[in-house]
Amino acid sequence: MKQTFVPMAVLVVALAVPAGFILHANNGQFVYTLDDPYIHLALAENIAGGHYGINSSEFAAPSSSVVWPFLLVPFSALPYAYLLPVFFNAVFSLLTVVLLSRFYGQGGMLLSVVSVFAFNLTGLVYTGMEHSLQLLAVAAVVSGLKDFTEKHRISKLLAVSLVAAPLIRYECLAVSLPVLVFLFVSGERKKSVALFSVIAVLLGTFSLFLLGLGLDPLPASVAAKSAVVGDSGSISSILGNLSDSVRSFRGLVQLLVLVPLVSVFAGKNRNSGEKLLAGTVIVAVMLHMMVGRSGWFHRYGVYMWAFSILVCFHLYRDVVRRHSLVFSVVLLALSADYLSGYTKIPAASGNIYQQQYQMRRFVHNWLREPVAVNDLGLVSMGYDSYVLDLWGLATPSALTGAGDPAWVDSAASLNGVNTAIVYSDEIAGVQHWTSVARMQISPPLVVCVSGGVDFLSAPWSSADSLREKLVEFEKTLPEEIELVIFQ
């Protein structure tokens, strides 16, 4: 009981501390550390109304998760529905701690506590995204694999988590597929084939659903954020992604975990099952490094970090049990970037509050008409007018068209868009629009690397009308935000 209660208590405290700083920094307003969760909330609102997309006039697949928006749908009409992701994530993280405590077993309390920070459990909660659920699924897979190696049977926990993981995030195929091969080779041929078939049918059905809406078979967010998918899986894109992974801090640390795994795989004193399990994780890690990503406020790649570390600990369980303090210290040291990220949670939330939340206030309370943006979430949530997404998540054609001024002008005029609020230096297609103002947030810049967002007026629109609204808006801004209006 104690070995579970203590890490759970540590997680609760670790969640409570940044929550207080967030509310204090943001004038009592809770804001996530990213703009992205508000995209899922906006999508959930529309799904509840029978439409899959952000704008009622067009279909779109802006979410990288199949199931996450649907989990939010039953509660989307509640007054404080925007708090649901943080509540769900806190519950998922607590369940992950329970699984980790069970996995580490007697004497593993310190490792469970360290894992709260080493696997970024707290940071993931405040992103408001599906990564807390993803980590829970991966912890369940590892727990199920541990049971399988001891009892030689596929538990319900393992079966369900293997199927659920890719539905939570596509990148979890890098875990589920190698593990299914492991189970197949280990003698569970019928069950592994059956589980693979279920995954294929579920993901295939969702792709058919998207195709039926006139969209691509994969969500726009996958194509927008994955260089490999965006380049149709070309060899050059895979090699480029692998090169980027190896050169990053997180990629280098991830490669270090392969050393003990390779030692097991090539060792003479290991049985075939352990060698096969080590090889499975090696393949999973390489798949992630070739196709997946790391970073983006410490949420990408956490699932593979946890998966590889936990299996590695299982393969060296006797040594880990005897020297849990040493392994705890090493794990913390290798997770330095996640520890650093924990300290930046309030600042990241502050960035979103100062930029995207203020954009929302302007659009909803002053502009009240169609608008073009490249940060979609907060602006689109609960907004009835059209939002032209120049990043391409809600407006799929923008993935290729936003760099073309002719396309931007055509799409904007067609949908009654006269104003753009964007990082104009990143969107080539709007650079001929009239720059009316720039809103600059105060440092530190954690998630809003572009500290300034530009307010632009379309060539056919009145810049003076936009300027007048911005003058009134400026009077309501927090003092740490600077709005420079050009004359």
Protein backbone atom coordinates (compact mmCIF):
# COMPACT_ATOMS: atom_id res chain seq x y z
CA MET A 1 0.00 0.00 0.00
CA LYS A 2 2.73 2.46 0.99
CA GLN A 3 4.75 1.84 -2.17
CA THR A 4 1.76 3.01 -4.23
CA PHE A 5 0.46 5.76 -1.95
CA VAL A 6 3.76 7.65 -1.66
CA PRO A 7 4.40 8.10 -5.44
CA MET A 8 0.74 8.99 -5.94
CA ALA A 9 1.05 11.64 -3.23
CA VAL A 10 4.22 12.95 -4.87
CA LEU A 11 2.36 13.24 -8.19
CA VAL A 12 -0.54 15.11 -6.59
CA VAL A 13 1.84 17.60 -4.97
CA ALA A 14 3.83 17.91 -8.21
CA LEU A 15 0.58 18.76 -10.00
CA ALA A 16 -0.64 21.20 -7.36
CA VAL A 17 2.48 23.37 -7.25
CA PRO A 18 2.50 24.55 -10.91
CA ALA A 19 -1.30 24.92 -10.83
CA GLY A 20 -0.95 27.65 -8.23
CA PHE A 21 1.74 29.44 -10.22
CA ILE A 22 -0.35 29.18 -13.41
CA LEU A 23 -3.39 30.81 -11.82
CA HIS A 24 -1.27 33.51 -10.21
CA ALA A 25 0.60 34.35 -13.41
CA ASN A 26 -2.52 34.35 -15.60
CA ASN A 27 -4.75 36.56 -13.44
CA GLY A 28 -6.73 33.59 -12.16
CA GLN A 29 -7.28 32.05 -15.60
CA PHE A 30 -6.26 28.42 -16.10
CA VAL A 31 -4.50 27.99 -19.46
CA TYR A 32 -2.77 24.90 -20.85
CA THR A 33 0.90 24.94 -21.77
CA LEU A 34 0.01 24.53 -25.46
CA ASP A 35 -2.66 25.88 -27.80
CA ASP A 36 -3.29 22.42 -29.26
CA PRO A 37 -5.70 21.01 -26.61
CA TYR A 38 -8.20 23.69 -27.51
CA ILE A 39 -8.27 22.27 -31.05
CA HIS A 40 -9.51 18.97 -29.62
CA LEU A 41 -12.06 20.81 -27.50
CA ALA A 42 -13.33 22.71 -30.54
CA LEU A 43 -13.48 19.48 -32.55
CA ALA A 44 -15.35 17.72 -29.74
CA GLU A 45 -17.95 20.53 -29.71
CA ASN A 46 -18.60 20.02 -33.41
CA ILE A 47 -18.62 16.21 -33.21
CA ALA A 48 -21.33 16.54 -30.56
CA GLY A 49 -23.28 18.53 -33.15
CA GLY A 50 -22.78 15.87 -35.84
CA HIS A 51 -19.90 17.50 -37.75
CA TYR A 52 -16.25 16.37 -37.95
CA GLY A 53 -14.16 19.49 -38.34
CA ILE A 54 -13.57 22.97 -36.97
CA ASN A 55 -15.59 25.03 -39.43
CA SER A 56 -19.19 24.01 -40.10
CA SER A 57 -18.70 24.60 -43.82
CA GLU A 58 -15.91 22.03 -44.27
CA PHE A 59 -14.68 18.74 -42.92
CA ALA A 60 -11.25 18.46 -41.33
CA ALA A 61 -9.18 16.05 -39.23
CA PRO A 62 -7.04 18.33 -37.03
CA SER A 63 -6.36 15.80 -34.27
CA SER A 64 -3.46 13.32 -34.24
CA SER A 65 -5.54 11.01 -32.06
CA VAL A 66 -8.46 8.90 -33.22
CA VAL A 67 -10.13 8.53 -29.82
CA TRP A 68 -9.15 11.60 -27.77
CA PRO A 69 -11.69 14.08 -29.22
CA PHE A 70 -14.45 11.47 -28.84
CA LEU A 71 -13.60 11.07 -25.15
CA LEU A 72 -14.35 14.78 -24.73
CA VAL A 73 -17.62 14.75 -26.67
CA PRO A 74 -20.02 13.62 -23.88
CA PHE A 75 -18.91 16.53 -21.72
CA SER A 76 -18.41 19.22 -24.39
CA ALA A 77 -21.56 21.15 -23.45
CA LEU A 78 -20.59 21.53 -19.80
CA PRO A 79 -19.79 25.09 -18.59
CA TYR A 80 -16.20 24.21 -17.69
CA ALA A 81 -15.57 21.67 -20.44
CA TYR A 82 -12.18 23.24 -21.13
CA LEU A 83 -10.96 21.80 -17.82
CA LEU A 84 -11.80 18.21 -18.79
CA PRO A 85 -8.41 17.43 -20.39
CA VAL A 86 -6.47 18.37 -17.26
CA PHE A 87 -8.87 16.35 -15.10
CA PHE A 88 -8.71 13.29 -17.37
CA ASN A 89 -4.93 13.55 -17.61
CA ALA A 90 -4.52 13.75 -13.85
CA VAL A 91 -6.57 10.56 -13.48
CA PHE A 92 -4.60 8.82 -16.24
CA SER A 93 -1.32 9.82 -14.63
CA LEU A 94 -2.43 8.49 -11.25
CA LEU A 95 -3.36 5.19 -12.90
CA THR A 96 0.05 5.14 -14.56
CA VAL A 97 1.67 5.49 -11.13
CA VAL A 98 -0.39 2.52 -9.91
CA LEU A 99 0.86 0.42 -12.83
CA LEU A 100 4.45 1.54 -12.29
CA SER A 101 4.28 0.66 -8.60
CA ARG A 102 2.98 -2.77 -9.53
CA PHE A 103 5.69 -3.12 -12.17
CA TYR A 104 8.58 -2.15 -9.87
CA GLY A 105 7.24 -4.35 -7.08
CA GLN A 106 8.39 -4.56 -3.51
CA GLY A 107 11.24 -2.16 -2.81
CA GLY A 108 10.59 -0.15 -5.95
CA MET A 109 8.95 2.86 -4.31
CA LEU A 110 11.89 5.18 -5.02
CA LEU A 111 11.87 4.26 -8.71
CA SER A 112 8.13 4.92 -8.83
CA VAL A 113 8.66 8.38 -7.34
CA VAL A 114 11.52 9.14 -9.74
CA SER A 115 9.40 7.96 -12.68
CA VAL A 116 6.86 10.69 -11.95
CA PHE A 117 9.48 13.20 -13.12
CA ALA A 118 11.59 11.00 -15.41
CA PHE A 119 8.54 10.21 -17.58
CA ASN A 120 7.20 13.78 -17.41
CA LEU A 121 3.89 12.70 -15.89
CA THR A 122 3.17 16.18 -14.55
CA GLY A 123 4.19 18.07 -17.66
CA LEU A 124 1.99 15.89 -19.87
CA VAL A 125 -1.05 16.62 -17.71
CA TYR A 126 -0.76 20.35 -18.31
CA THR A 127 -0.37 20.03 -22.07
CA GLY A 128 -4.03 19.02 -22.10
CA MET A 129 -3.26 16.52 -24.84
CA GLU A 130 -3.66 12.75 -25.14
CA HIS A 131 -0.10 11.97 -24.08
CA SER A 132 -1.01 11.10 -20.48
CA LEU A 133 -3.38 8.45 -21.81
CA GLN A 134 -0.70 7.33 -24.26
CA LEU A 135 1.78 6.86 -21.43
CA LEU A 136 -0.81 4.91 -19.44
CA ALA A 137 -1.31 2.59 -22.41
CA VAL A 138 2.45 2.05 -22.78
CA ALA A 139 2.82 1.35 -19.05
CA ALA A 140 0.00 -1.17 -19.42
CA VAL A 141 1.79 -2.82 -22.36
CA VAL A 142 4.99 -3.20 -20.35
CA SER A 143 3.09 -4.48 -17.32
CA GLY A 144 1.37 -6.99 -19.59
CA LEU A 145 4.70 -8.03 -21.12
CA LYS A 146 6.11 -8.61 -17.64
CA ASP A 147 3.16 -10.88 -16.83
CA PHE A 148 3.60 -12.65 -20.16
CA THR A 149 7.25 -13.45 -19.51
CA GLU A 150 6.32 -14.85 -16.10
CA LYS A 151 3.04 -16.65 -16.84
CA HIS A 152 3.29 -17.20 -20.62
CA ARG A 153 -0.19 -15.90 -21.38
CA ILE A 154 -1.58 -12.73 -22.93
CA SER A 155 -3.55 -10.90 -20.27
CA LYS A 156 -6.59 -8.76 -21.02
CA LEU A 157 -4.53 -5.74 -19.96
CA LEU A 158 -1.89 -6.47 -22.58
CA ALA A 159 -4.41 -7.19 -25.32
CA VAL A 160 -6.49 -4.07 -24.70
CA SER A 161 -3.47 -1.76 -24.34
CA LEU A 162 -1.86 -3.04 -27.56
CA VAL A 163 -5.04 -2.25 -29.49
CA ALA A 164 -5.76 1.04 -27.71
CA ALA A 165 -2.28 2.56 -27.98
CA PRO A 166 -2.32 3.31 -31.76
CA LEU A 167 -5.85 4.68 -31.46
CA ILE A 168 -4.59 7.12 -28.85
CA ARG A 169 -1.67 8.16 -31.05
CA TYR A 170 -0.61 6.68 -34.38
CA GLU A 171 3.05 6.68 -33.34
CA CYS A 172 2.27 3.93 -30.83
CA LEU A 173 2.32 1.54 -33.78
CA ALA A 174 6.08 1.61 -33.11
CA VAL A 175 5.27 -0.20 -29.85
CA SER A 176 2.27 -2.34 -30.74
CA LEU A 177 3.60 -3.84 -33.98
CA PRO A 178 7.00 -5.04 -32.64
CA VAL A 179 5.30 -6.43 -29.52
CA LEU A 180 2.80 -8.32 -31.65
CA VAL A 181 5.70 -9.83 -33.61
CA PHE A 182 7.29 -10.76 -30.27
CA LEU A 183 4.09 -12.52 -29.19
CA PHE A 184 3.78 -14.27 -32.55
CA VAL A 185 7.34 -15.63 -32.40
CA SER A 186 6.82 -16.56 -28.75
CA GLY A 187 4.07 -18.97 -29.78
CA GLU A 188 0.94 -16.82 -29.44
CA ARG A 189 0.30 -16.83 -33.17
CA LYS A 190 -3.49 -16.83 -33.29
CA LYS A 191 -3.91 -14.15 -30.63
CA SER A 192 -1.21 -11.90 -32.07
CA VAL A 193 -2.72 -12.13 -35.56
CA ALA A 194 -6.18 -11.47 -34.10
CA LEU A 195 -4.94 -8.39 -32.24
CA PHE A 196 -3.14 -7.12 -35.33
CA SER A 197 -6.35 -7.58 -37.32
CA VAL A 198 -8.35 -5.59 -34.77
CA ILE A 199 -5.85 -2.72 -34.95
CA ALA A 200 -5.87 -2.81 -38.76
CA VAL A 201 -9.67 -2.84 -38.92
CA LEU A 202 -10.08 0.02 -36.43
CA LEU A 203 -7.45 2.28 -38.00
CA GLY A 204 -8.60 1.29 -41.48
CA THR A 205 -12.20 2.11 -40.63
CA PHE A 206 -11.19 5.55 -39.40
CA SER A 207 -9.20 6.14 -42.59
CA LEU A 208 -12.24 5.11 -44.65
CA PHE A 209 -14.30 7.53 -42.58
CA LEU A 210 -11.88 10.35 -43.42
CA LEU A 211 -11.81 9.38 -47.09
CA GLY A 212 -15.61 9.41 -47.08
CA LEU A 213 -15.44 13.03 -45.93
CA GLY A 214 -13.14 13.87 -48.83
CA LEU A 215 -10.03 14.02 -46.64
CA ASP A 216 -6.72 12.19 -46.71
CA PRO A 217 -6.60 8.78 -44.98
CA LEU A 218 -4.45 10.21 -42.17
CA PRO A 219 -5.31 13.30 -40.09
CA ALA A 220 -3.94 16.61 -41.32
CA SER A 221 -2.04 17.06 -38.05
CA VAL A 222 -0.02 13.91 -38.75
CA ALA A 223 1.00 15.20 -42.16
CA ALA A 224 1.67 18.71 -40.83
CA LYS A 225 3.90 17.59 -37.96
CA SER A 226 5.63 14.56 -39.45
CA ALA A 227 8.25 15.18 -42.11
CA VAL A 228 8.10 11.49 -43.06
CA VAL A 229 4.32 11.35 -43.52
CA GLY A 230 4.31 14.75 -45.20
CA ASP A 231 6.85 13.43 -47.71
CA SER A 232 4.89 10.19 -48.26
CA GLY A 233 7.42 8.06 -46.42
CA SER A 234 10.32 8.61 -48.79
CA ILE A 235 13.70 7.13 -47.94
CA SER A 236 15.29 10.57 -47.82
CA SER A 237 12.70 11.83 -45.31
CA ILE A 238 13.20 8.76 -43.10
CA LEU A 239 16.97 9.18 -43.15
CA GLY A 240 16.59 12.90 -42.50
CA ASN A 241 14.31 12.22 -39.54
CA LEU A 242 16.77 9.65 -38.18
CA SER A 243 19.59 12.18 -38.52
CA ASP A 244 17.58 14.83 -36.67
CA SER A 245 16.75 12.33 -33.92
CA VAL A 246 20.37 11.31 -33.41
CA ARG A 247 21.53 14.92 -33.19
CA SER A 248 19.03 15.90 -30.50
CA PHE A 249 19.69 15.53 -26.77
CA ARG A 250 16.66 13.29 -26.31
CA GLY A 251 17.70 11.16 -29.28
CA LEU A 252 21.22 10.67 -27.94
CA VAL A 253 19.89 9.69 -24.52
CA GLN A 254 17.43 7.31 -26.15
CA LEU A 255 20.32 5.69 -28.03
CA LEU A 256 22.11 5.07 -24.74
CA VAL A 257 19.31 2.73 -23.69
CA LEU A 258 20.10 0.55 -26.70
CA VAL A 259 23.48 -0.35 -25.19
CA PRO A 260 22.13 -2.60 -22.39
CA LEU A 261 19.44 -3.91 -24.73
CA VAL A 262 22.01 -4.91 -27.34
CA SER A 263 24.01 -6.53 -24.54
CA VAL A 264 21.02 -8.73 -23.71
CA PHE A 265 20.27 -9.46 -27.34
CA ALA A 266 23.86 -10.54 -28.07
CA GLY A 267 24.60 -12.06 -24.65
CA LYS A 268 25.38 -15.74 -24.25
CA ASN A 269 23.85 -16.12 -20.80
CA ARG A 270 20.37 -14.95 -21.78
CA ASN A 271 17.48 -17.17 -22.78
CA SER A 272 15.79 -16.81 -26.13
CA GLY A 273 12.74 -15.06 -24.67
CA GLU A 274 14.82 -12.30 -23.11
CA LYS A 275 16.83 -11.88 -26.28
CA LEU A 276 13.68 -11.64 -28.32
CA LEU A 277 12.20 -9.05 -25.94
CA ALA A 278 15.38 -6.95 -26.09
CA GLY A 279 15.34 -7.14 -29.88
CA THR A 280 11.69 -6.06 -29.87
CA VAL A 281 12.51 -2.87 -27.98
CA ILE A 282 15.53 -2.17 -30.19
CA VAL A 283 13.27 -2.34 -33.25
CA ALA A 284 10.66 -0.13 -31.55
CA VAL A 285 13.24 2.52 -30.68
CA MET A 286 14.63 2.55 -34.20
CA LEU A 287 11.15 2.82 -35.70
CA HIS A 288 10.45 5.84 -33.52
CA MET A 289 13.75 7.48 -34.40
CA MET A 290 13.17 6.95 -38.11
CA VAL A 291 9.55 8.14 -38.21
CA GLY A 292 8.67 9.78 -34.89
CA ARG A 293 9.65 13.02 -33.23
CA SER A 294 10.85 14.32 -29.90
CA GLY A 295 10.40 17.63 -28.15
CA TRP A 296 7.49 20.06 -28.64
CA PHE A 297 7.48 20.92 -24.95
CA HIS A 298 8.63 17.47 -23.89
CA ARG A 299 5.62 15.48 -25.09
CA TYR A 300 6.85 13.70 -28.22
CA GLY A 301 8.97 10.65 -27.55
CA VAL A 302 8.09 10.24 -23.85
CA TYR A 303 6.15 7.06 -24.65
CA MET A 304 9.21 5.41 -26.22
CA TRP A 305 11.48 6.61 -23.43
CA ALA A 306 9.21 5.01 -20.83
CA PHE A 307 8.74 1.85 -22.90
CA SER A 308 12.46 1.26 -23.43
CA ILE A 309 13.47 2.13 -19.85
CA LEU A 310 10.82 -0.08 -18.27
CA VAL A 311 11.61 -3.11 -20.42
CA CYS A 312 15.31 -2.54 -19.80
CA PHE A 313 14.66 -2.48 -16.04
CA HIS A 314 12.70 -5.71 -16.37
CA LEU A 315 15.53 -7.42 -18.24
CA TYR A 316 17.99 -6.31 -15.53
CA ARG A 317 15.48 -6.64 -12.68
CA ASP A 318 17.81 -8.40 -10.24
CA VAL A 319 20.51 -5.75 -10.57
CA VAL A 320 17.94 -2.93 -10.48
CA ARG A 321 16.36 -4.35 -7.32
CA ARG A 322 19.70 -4.52 -5.52
CA HIS A 323 20.82 -1.03 -6.60
CA SER A 324 17.55 0.88 -6.91
CA LEU A 325 19.11 4.08 -5.54
CA VAL A 326 21.83 4.09 -8.21
CA PHE A 327 19.35 3.43 -11.01
CA SER A 328 17.03 6.12 -9.67
CA VAL A 329 19.83 8.69 -9.77
CA VAL A 330 20.88 7.60 -13.27
CA LEU A 331 17.28 7.75 -14.52
CA LEU A 332 16.87 11.26 -13.15
CA ALA A 333 20.13 12.37 -14.74
CA LEU A 334 19.10 10.98 -18.12
CA SER A 335 15.75 12.76 -17.78
CA ALA A 336 17.25 16.19 -17.13
CA ASP A 337 15.29 17.79 -19.96
CA TYR A 338 12.00 16.59 -18.48
CA LEU A 339 13.00 17.93 -15.06
CA SER A 340 13.80 21.26 -16.70
CA GLY A 341 10.44 21.17 -18.47
CA TYR A 342 8.65 20.73 -15.16
CA THR A 343 10.05 24.01 -13.89
CA LYS A 344 8.84 25.79 -17.05
CA ILE A 345 5.18 24.73 -16.83
CA PRO A 346 3.94 28.10 -15.44
CA ALA A 347 6.00 30.07 -17.98
CA ALA A 348 4.68 27.93 -20.85
CA SER A 349 1.11 28.49 -19.69
CA GLY A 350 1.91 32.19 -19.38
CA ASN A 351 3.09 32.27 -23.00
CA ILE A 352 -0.22 30.83 -24.20
CA TYR A 353 -2.16 33.21 -21.94
CA GLN A 354 -0.29 36.25 -23.21
CA GLN A 355 -0.51 35.30 -26.86
CA GLN A 356 -3.20 32.85 -27.98
CA TYR A 357 -5.60 33.61 -25.13
CA GLN A 358 -5.40 37.35 -25.92
CA MET A 359 -5.88 36.55 -29.61
CA ARG A 360 -9.06 34.73 -28.60
CA ARG A 361 -10.27 37.71 -26.60
CA PHE A 362 -9.74 40.06 -29.53
CA VAL A 363 -11.39 37.80 -32.09
CA HIS A 364 -14.40 36.88 -29.93
CA ASN A 365 -15.05 40.30 -28.38
CA TRP A 366 -13.86 42.87 -30.92
CA LEU A 367 -13.42 41.34 -34.37
CA ARG A 368 -16.49 39.06 -34.42
CA GLU A 369 -15.97 38.01 -38.04
CA PRO A 370 -14.04 35.40 -40.03
CA VAL A 371 -10.30 35.41 -39.35
CA ALA A 372 -7.11 33.74 -40.56
CA VAL A 373 -4.68 32.29 -38.00
CA ASN A 374 -1.81 29.84 -37.71
CA ASP A 375 -2.59 28.99 -34.07
CA LEU A 376 -6.05 27.53 -34.23
CA GLY A 377 -7.08 26.25 -30.81
CA LEU A 378 -8.16 29.03 -28.47
CA VAL A 379 -9.49 31.21 -31.29
CA SER A 380 -11.69 28.48 -32.77
CA MET A 381 -13.12 27.03 -29.54
CA GLY A 382 -16.71 28.21 -29.23
CA TYR A 383 -16.41 30.57 -32.20
CA ASP A 384 -19.24 30.64 -34.75
CA SER A 385 -17.49 32.51 -37.56
CA TYR A 386 -15.12 30.92 -40.07
CA VAL A 387 -11.48 30.39 -39.07
CA LEU A 388 -9.02 30.03 -41.94
CA ASP A 389 -6.23 27.87 -40.56
CA LEU A 390 -3.06 28.73 -42.47
CA TRP A 391 -1.16 25.96 -40.66
CA GLY A 392 -3.41 23.43 -42.37
CA LEU A 393 -5.07 21.50 -39.54
CA ALA A 394 -8.61 22.85 -39.94
CA THR A 395 -8.08 23.90 -43.56
CA PRO A 396 -6.28 20.92 -45.17
CA SER A 397 -5.56 22.69 -48.46
CA ALA A 398 -3.46 25.22 -46.56
CA LEU A 399 -0.79 22.56 -46.01
CA THR A 400 0.35 23.25 -49.56
CA GLY A 401 -1.39 26.55 -50.29
CA ALA A 402 -0.41 28.86 -47.42
CA GLY A 403 2.87 29.75 -49.08
CA ASP A 404 1.11 31.02 -52.19
CA PRO A 405 -0.29 34.60 -51.99
CA ALA A 406 -2.84 33.86 -54.70
CA TRP A 407 -4.18 30.86 -52.78
CA VAL A 408 -4.36 32.79 -49.51
CA ASP A 409 -6.21 35.70 -51.14
CA SER A 410 -8.64 33.34 -52.83
CA ALA A 411 -9.35 31.30 -49.69
CA ALA A 412 -9.68 34.42 -47.55
CA SER A 413 -12.01 36.33 -49.88
CA LEU A 414 -14.14 33.23 -50.48
CA ASN A 415 -14.75 32.86 -46.74
CA GLY A 416 -15.10 36.55 -45.88
CA VAL A 417 -11.74 36.80 -44.11
CA ASN A 418 -10.39 40.34 -43.86
CA THR A 419 -7.96 39.90 -40.95
CA ALA A 420 -5.05 37.58 -40.23
CA ILE A 421 -3.41 37.08 -36.83
CA VAL A 422 -0.27 35.10 -37.59
CA TYR A 423 3.49 34.80 -37.44
CA SER A 424 3.77 36.59 -40.76
CA ASP A 425 7.44 35.70 -41.25
CA GLU A 426 6.45 32.01 -41.24
CA ILE A 427 3.46 32.31 -43.61
CA ALA A 428 4.70 33.50 -46.99
CA GLY A 429 1.20 33.80 -48.44
CA VAL A 430 0.20 36.74 -46.20
CA GLN A 431 3.33 38.84 -46.40
CA HIS A 432 1.72 41.15 -48.96
CA TRP A 433 -1.13 41.98 -46.54
CA THR A 434 -1.01 45.27 -44.63
CA SER A 435 0.69 45.02 -41.26
CA VAL A 436 -1.51 46.88 -38.76
CA ALA A 437 -0.06 45.86 -35.38
CA ARG A 438 2.26 43.50 -33.56
CA MET A 439 1.58 42.03 -30.13
CA GLN A 440 4.74 41.17 -28.21
CA ILE A 441 4.73 38.97 -25.11
CA SER A 442 7.26 39.15 -22.30
CA PRO A 443 10.02 36.56 -21.79
CA PRO A 444 10.84 33.83 -21.03
CA LEU A 445 9.66 32.42 -24.35
CA VAL A 446 9.06 28.72 -23.71
CA VAL A 447 6.41 27.49 -26.16
CA CYS A 448 5.84 30.68 -28.17
CA VAL A 449 9.27 30.95 -29.75
CA SER A 450 7.95 33.75 -31.94
CA GLY A 451 7.28 36.23 -29.18
CA GLY A 452 5.37 38.56 -31.47
CA VAL A 453 2.19 37.89 -33.42
CA ASP A 454 1.13 40.14 -36.31
CA PHE A 455 -2.30 41.60 -37.04
CA LEU A 456 -2.71 41.97 -40.80
CA SER A 457 -5.40 43.46 -42.96
CA ALA A 458 -6.31 41.96 -46.34
CA PRO A 459 -5.54 44.04 -49.46
CA TRP A 460 -9.26 44.53 -50.12
CA SER A 461 -10.10 45.44 -46.52
CA SER A 462 -9.90 48.63 -44.48
CA ALA A 463 -6.84 48.68 -42.27
CA ASP A 464 -8.33 51.63 -40.37
CA SER A 465 -11.29 49.53 -39.21
CA LEU A 466 -8.95 46.90 -37.79
CA ARG A 467 -6.77 49.59 -36.24
CA GLU A 468 -9.74 51.14 -34.41
CA LYS A 469 -10.65 47.78 -32.87
CA LEU A 470 -7.08 47.19 -31.79
CA VAL A 471 -6.93 50.60 -30.09
CA GLU A 472 -9.87 49.58 -27.90
CA PHE A 473 -8.43 46.11 -27.36
CA GLU A 474 -5.09 47.54 -26.22
CA LYS A 475 -6.76 49.21 -23.24
CA THR A 476 -7.73 45.80 -21.81
CA LEU A 477 -4.38 44.01 -22.21
CA PRO A 478 -2.33 42.93 -19.19
CA GLU A 479 0.57 45.29 -18.62
CA GLU A 480 3.23 42.69 -19.51
CA ILE A 481 1.94 42.55 -23.10
CA GLU A 482 3.00 45.22 -25.59
CA LEU A 483 0.75 45.98 -28.55
CA VAL A 484 2.41 48.21 -31.14
CA ILE A 485 -0.14 49.69 -33.56
CA PHE A 486 1.30 51.00 -36.82
CA GLN A 487 -0.03 54.21 -38.30
